[in-house]
N, C-alpha and C. Protein backbone atom coordinates (compact mmCIF):
# COMPACT_ATOMS: atom_id res chain seq x y z
N MET A 1 20.61 -17.66 -10.41
CA MET A 1 20.38 -16.14 -10.71
C MET A 1 18.72 -16.07 -11.39
N SER A 2 17.96 -15.86 -11.23
CA SER A 2 16.85 -15.39 -11.30
C SER A 2 16.65 -14.93 -12.55
N GLN A 3 15.76 -15.49 -13.89
CA GLN A 3 15.65 -14.82 -15.17
C GLN A 3 14.41 -14.07 -14.96
N SER A 4 13.89 -13.83 -13.92
CA SER A 4 12.84 -13.23 -14.14
C SER A 4 12.72 -12.01 -13.35
N LEU A 5 12.21 -10.98 -12.78
CA LEU A 5 11.65 -9.71 -11.96
C LEU A 5 10.30 -9.80 -11.85
N ARG A 6 10.01 -9.85 -10.52
CA ARG A 6 8.35 -9.54 -10.35
C ARG A 6 8.19 -8.29 -9.63
N LEU A 7 7.32 -7.43 -10.49
CA LEU A 7 6.96 -5.80 -9.89
C LEU A 7 5.54 -5.86 -9.78
N LEU A 8 5.46 -5.22 -8.52
CA LEU A 8 3.88 -5.04 -8.50
C LEU A 8 3.92 -3.34 -8.02
N SER A 9 3.04 -2.93 -9.37
CA SER A 9 2.89 -1.08 -8.98
C SER A 9 1.33 -0.93 -8.59
N TRP A 10 1.15 -0.08 -6.98
CA TRP A 10 -0.40 -0.61 -6.91
C TRP A 10 -0.63 1.64 -6.91
N ASN A 11 -1.58 2.02 -7.23
CA ASN A 11 -2.27 3.08 -7.15
C ASN A 11 -2.94 3.33 -5.88
N THR A 12 -2.76 2.89 -5.09
CA THR A 12 -3.33 2.98 -3.65
C THR A 12 -4.41 3.94 -3.70
N GLN A 13 -4.21 5.17 -4.18
CA GLN A 13 -5.72 5.79 -3.55
C GLN A 13 -6.16 6.28 -1.94
N MET A 14 -4.69 6.79 -1.75
CA MET A 14 -4.92 6.50 0.05
C MET A 14 -4.82 7.89 0.50
N ARG A 15 -5.57 9.00 0.05
CA ARG A 15 -5.44 10.09 0.20
C ARG A 15 -6.09 10.49 1.89
N SER A 16 -5.37 11.56 2.20
CA SER A 16 -5.85 12.23 3.66
C SER A 16 -6.88 12.68 3.74
N TRP A 17 -7.62 12.69 5.40
CA TRP A 17 -8.84 12.65 5.85
C TRP A 17 -9.39 14.17 5.01
N ALA A 18 -8.23 15.01 5.04
CA ALA A 18 -8.87 16.22 4.42
C ALA A 18 -8.75 16.13 2.55
N MET A 19 -8.22 15.63 2.23
CA MET A 19 -8.17 15.12 0.35
C MET A 19 -9.84 14.41 0.41
N GLU A 20 -10.64 13.38 1.35
CA GLU A 20 -11.40 12.99 0.91
C GLU A 20 -12.65 13.53 0.98
N VAL A 21 -12.72 14.89 1.90
CA VAL A 21 -13.62 15.24 2.11
C VAL A 21 -14.09 15.79 0.53
N GLY A 22 -15.66 15.93 0.32
CA GLY A 22 -16.48 15.68 -0.91
C GLY A 22 -16.20 14.65 -1.64
N PHE A 23 -15.22 13.64 -1.76
CA PHE A 23 -14.99 12.50 -2.65
C PHE A 23 -15.91 11.10 -2.49
N PRO A 24 -16.65 10.26 -3.31
CA PRO A 24 -17.23 9.58 -2.80
C PRO A 24 -15.79 8.45 -2.31
N PRO A 25 -16.61 7.46 -1.48
CA PRO A 25 -15.39 7.00 -0.87
C PRO A 25 -14.86 5.78 -1.96
N SER A 26 -13.58 5.56 -0.87
CA SER A 26 -12.46 4.48 -2.10
C SER A 26 -13.11 3.38 -2.50
N LEU A 27 -12.74 2.38 -3.22
CA LEU A 27 -13.02 1.17 -3.58
C LEU A 27 -11.81 0.46 -2.71
N PRO A 28 -12.17 -0.86 -2.22
CA PRO A 28 -13.37 -1.21 -1.78
C PRO A 28 -13.99 0.10 -0.60
N PRO A 29 -15.26 -0.09 -0.49
CA PRO A 29 -15.90 1.51 0.45
C PRO A 29 -14.80 0.88 1.80
N VAL A 30 -14.36 1.84 2.24
CA VAL A 30 -14.03 1.79 4.11
C VAL A 30 -13.75 3.12 4.60
N THR A 31 -14.07 3.02 5.93
CA THR A 31 -14.47 4.45 6.30
C THR A 31 -12.97 5.25 6.82
N THR A 32 -11.40 4.75 6.59
CA THR A 32 -10.47 5.75 6.89
C THR A 32 -9.12 4.89 5.97
N ALA A 33 -8.37 5.61 5.39
CA ALA A 33 -7.53 5.50 4.93
C ALA A 33 -6.34 4.73 5.55
N GLU A 34 -6.63 4.57 7.05
CA GLU A 34 -5.71 3.39 7.52
C GLU A 34 -5.91 2.10 7.34
N GLU A 35 -7.43 1.68 7.69
CA GLU A 35 -8.13 0.84 7.12
C GLU A 35 -8.07 0.25 5.73
N ARG A 36 -7.69 0.92 4.69
CA ARG A 36 -7.79 0.64 3.78
C ARG A 36 -5.95 0.39 3.27
N ALA A 37 -5.40 0.89 4.12
CA ALA A 37 -3.78 0.33 4.29
C ALA A 37 -3.59 -0.88 4.58
N GLU A 38 -4.43 -1.16 5.81
CA GLU A 38 -4.47 -2.71 6.30
C GLU A 38 -4.60 -3.63 5.57
N LEU A 39 -5.61 -3.64 4.30
CA LEU A 39 -6.41 -3.92 3.29
C LEU A 39 -5.38 -4.47 2.11
N ILE A 40 -4.90 -3.28 1.74
CA ILE A 40 -3.48 -3.25 0.80
C ILE A 40 -2.42 -4.15 1.57
N ALA A 41 -2.01 -4.30 2.57
CA ALA A 41 -0.86 -4.78 3.09
C ALA A 41 -1.27 -6.67 3.29
N ASP A 42 -2.56 -6.30 3.42
CA ASP A 42 -3.19 -8.18 3.81
C ASP A 42 -2.70 -8.59 2.03
N GLY A 43 -3.55 -8.00 1.42
CA GLY A 43 -3.31 -8.14 -0.01
C GLY A 43 -2.13 -8.58 -0.47
N ILE A 44 -0.98 -7.91 -0.40
CA ILE A 44 0.40 -7.97 -0.75
C ILE A 44 0.87 -9.25 -0.20
N LEU A 45 0.71 -9.31 1.21
CA LEU A 45 1.38 -10.42 2.40
C LEU A 45 0.64 -11.43 1.58
N GLY A 46 -0.49 -11.49 1.87
CA GLY A 46 -1.32 -12.83 1.53
C GLY A 46 -1.03 -13.18 -0.09
N SER A 47 -0.63 -12.51 -1.23
CA SER A 47 -0.38 -12.88 -2.26
C SER A 47 0.35 -14.23 -2.65
N PRO A 48 -0.26 -14.96 -3.42
CA PRO A 48 0.86 -16.34 -4.10
C PRO A 48 2.21 -15.79 -4.51
N PHE A 49 2.24 -14.52 -5.57
CA PHE A 49 3.50 -14.39 -6.00
C PHE A 49 4.57 -13.57 -4.72
N ASP A 50 5.58 -14.02 -5.37
CA ASP A 50 7.02 -13.17 -4.72
C ASP A 50 6.92 -12.46 -5.34
N TYR A 51 7.16 -11.25 -4.73
CA TYR A 51 7.12 -10.20 -5.44
C TYR A 51 8.61 -9.82 -5.20
N ASP A 52 9.49 -9.07 -5.97
CA ASP A 52 10.53 -8.56 -5.95
C ASP A 52 11.14 -7.18 -5.44
N ILE A 53 10.21 -6.54 -6.25
CA ILE A 53 9.64 -4.84 -5.99
C ILE A 53 8.45 -5.01 -5.96
N VAL A 54 7.78 -3.55 -4.94
CA VAL A 54 6.36 -3.08 -5.09
C VAL A 54 6.19 -1.89 -4.75
N ALA A 55 5.90 -0.98 -5.99
CA ALA A 55 5.84 0.07 -6.09
C ALA A 55 4.19 0.43 -5.32
N LEU A 56 4.24 1.52 -4.48
CA LEU A 56 3.04 1.44 -3.39
C LEU A 56 2.67 3.48 -4.83
N CYS A 57 1.98 3.58 -5.09
CA CYS A 57 1.77 5.33 -5.45
C CYS A 57 0.38 5.65 -4.49
N GLU A 58 0.78 7.11 -4.83
CA GLU A 58 -0.36 8.14 -3.87
C GLU A 58 -1.08 7.40 -2.35
N VAL A 59 0.16 7.38 -1.89
CA VAL A 59 0.36 6.96 -0.31
C VAL A 59 -0.17 8.31 0.37
N PHE A 60 -0.95 9.56 0.04
CA PHE A 60 -0.41 10.62 0.75
C PHE A 60 -0.89 10.80 2.24
N ASP A 61 -1.62 9.74 2.62
CA ASP A 61 -1.89 9.84 4.23
C ASP A 61 -1.06 9.19 5.08
N GLU A 62 -0.19 10.19 6.12
CA GLU A 62 0.88 9.71 6.92
C GLU A 62 1.05 8.17 7.52
N ASP A 63 -0.35 8.59 8.43
CA ASP A 63 -0.74 7.34 9.14
C ASP A 63 -0.81 6.27 8.57
N SER A 64 -1.12 5.93 7.48
CA SER A 64 -1.22 5.19 6.40
C SER A 64 0.04 4.68 5.76
N ARG A 65 0.63 5.52 5.93
CA ARG A 65 2.42 5.04 5.09
C ARG A 65 3.22 4.15 6.26
N ASP A 66 2.78 5.12 8.04
CA ASP A 66 3.21 4.13 9.11
C ASP A 66 3.09 2.65 8.83
N ILE A 67 1.42 2.42 8.71
CA ILE A 67 0.98 1.32 8.54
C ILE A 67 1.38 0.48 7.60
N LEU A 68 1.62 0.81 6.42
CA LEU A 68 2.46 -0.11 5.29
C LEU A 68 3.59 -0.24 5.21
N ARG A 69 4.22 0.57 5.70
CA ARG A 69 6.10 0.50 6.37
C ARG A 69 6.20 -0.71 7.58
N SER A 70 5.30 -0.73 8.33
CA SER A 70 5.43 -1.31 9.44
C SER A 70 4.90 -2.88 9.36
N ARG A 71 3.70 -3.14 8.40
CA ARG A 71 3.84 -4.17 7.91
C ARG A 71 4.27 -4.81 7.04
N LEU A 72 4.81 -4.01 6.26
CA LEU A 72 6.04 -4.81 5.00
C LEU A 72 7.21 -4.93 4.96
N ARG A 73 7.43 -4.33 6.01
CA ARG A 73 9.23 -4.57 6.22
C ARG A 73 9.65 -5.78 6.32
N ARG A 74 8.96 -6.41 7.03
CA ARG A 74 9.76 -7.76 7.27
C ARG A 74 10.05 -8.70 5.98
N ARG A 75 8.89 -8.79 5.18
CA ARG A 75 8.61 -9.38 3.62
C ARG A 75 9.95 -8.87 2.64
N PHE A 76 9.63 -6.86 3.10
CA PHE A 76 10.39 -6.12 2.21
C PHE A 76 11.29 -5.24 2.76
N PRO A 77 12.50 -5.94 3.66
CA PRO A 77 12.93 -5.10 4.22
C PRO A 77 13.73 -3.49 4.13
N TRP A 78 13.98 -3.46 2.28
CA TRP A 78 14.56 -2.37 1.82
C TRP A 78 13.85 -1.42 1.30
N ILE A 79 13.29 -0.38 2.14
CA ILE A 79 11.55 0.58 1.79
C ILE A 79 12.35 1.77 1.39
N VAL A 80 12.37 2.26 0.17
CA VAL A 80 12.47 4.04 0.27
C VAL A 80 10.84 4.89 -0.05
N THR A 81 11.05 5.88 1.02
CA THR A 81 10.01 6.37 0.96
C THR A 81 10.48 8.25 0.40
N LYS A 82 9.13 8.56 -0.06
CA LYS A 82 9.47 9.82 -0.35
C LYS A 82 8.33 10.87 -0.09
């Protein structure tokens, strides 16, 4: 049994298109929340750390949730969404 637990908590700032109106672009600058979801999934899957738990906060955009869920499901099969 491992003596450690690797936890990643990420505030994604993945606002829906309606929430983006009037706000400056997210960092890194991307056009859509879906693009941001792809970048975040790439970052998690490409990480040298073997995370036990990944908590993604503020994923308000439904399409982005679907992207993250489908991209991360193979590595993290137990997913809880709210």
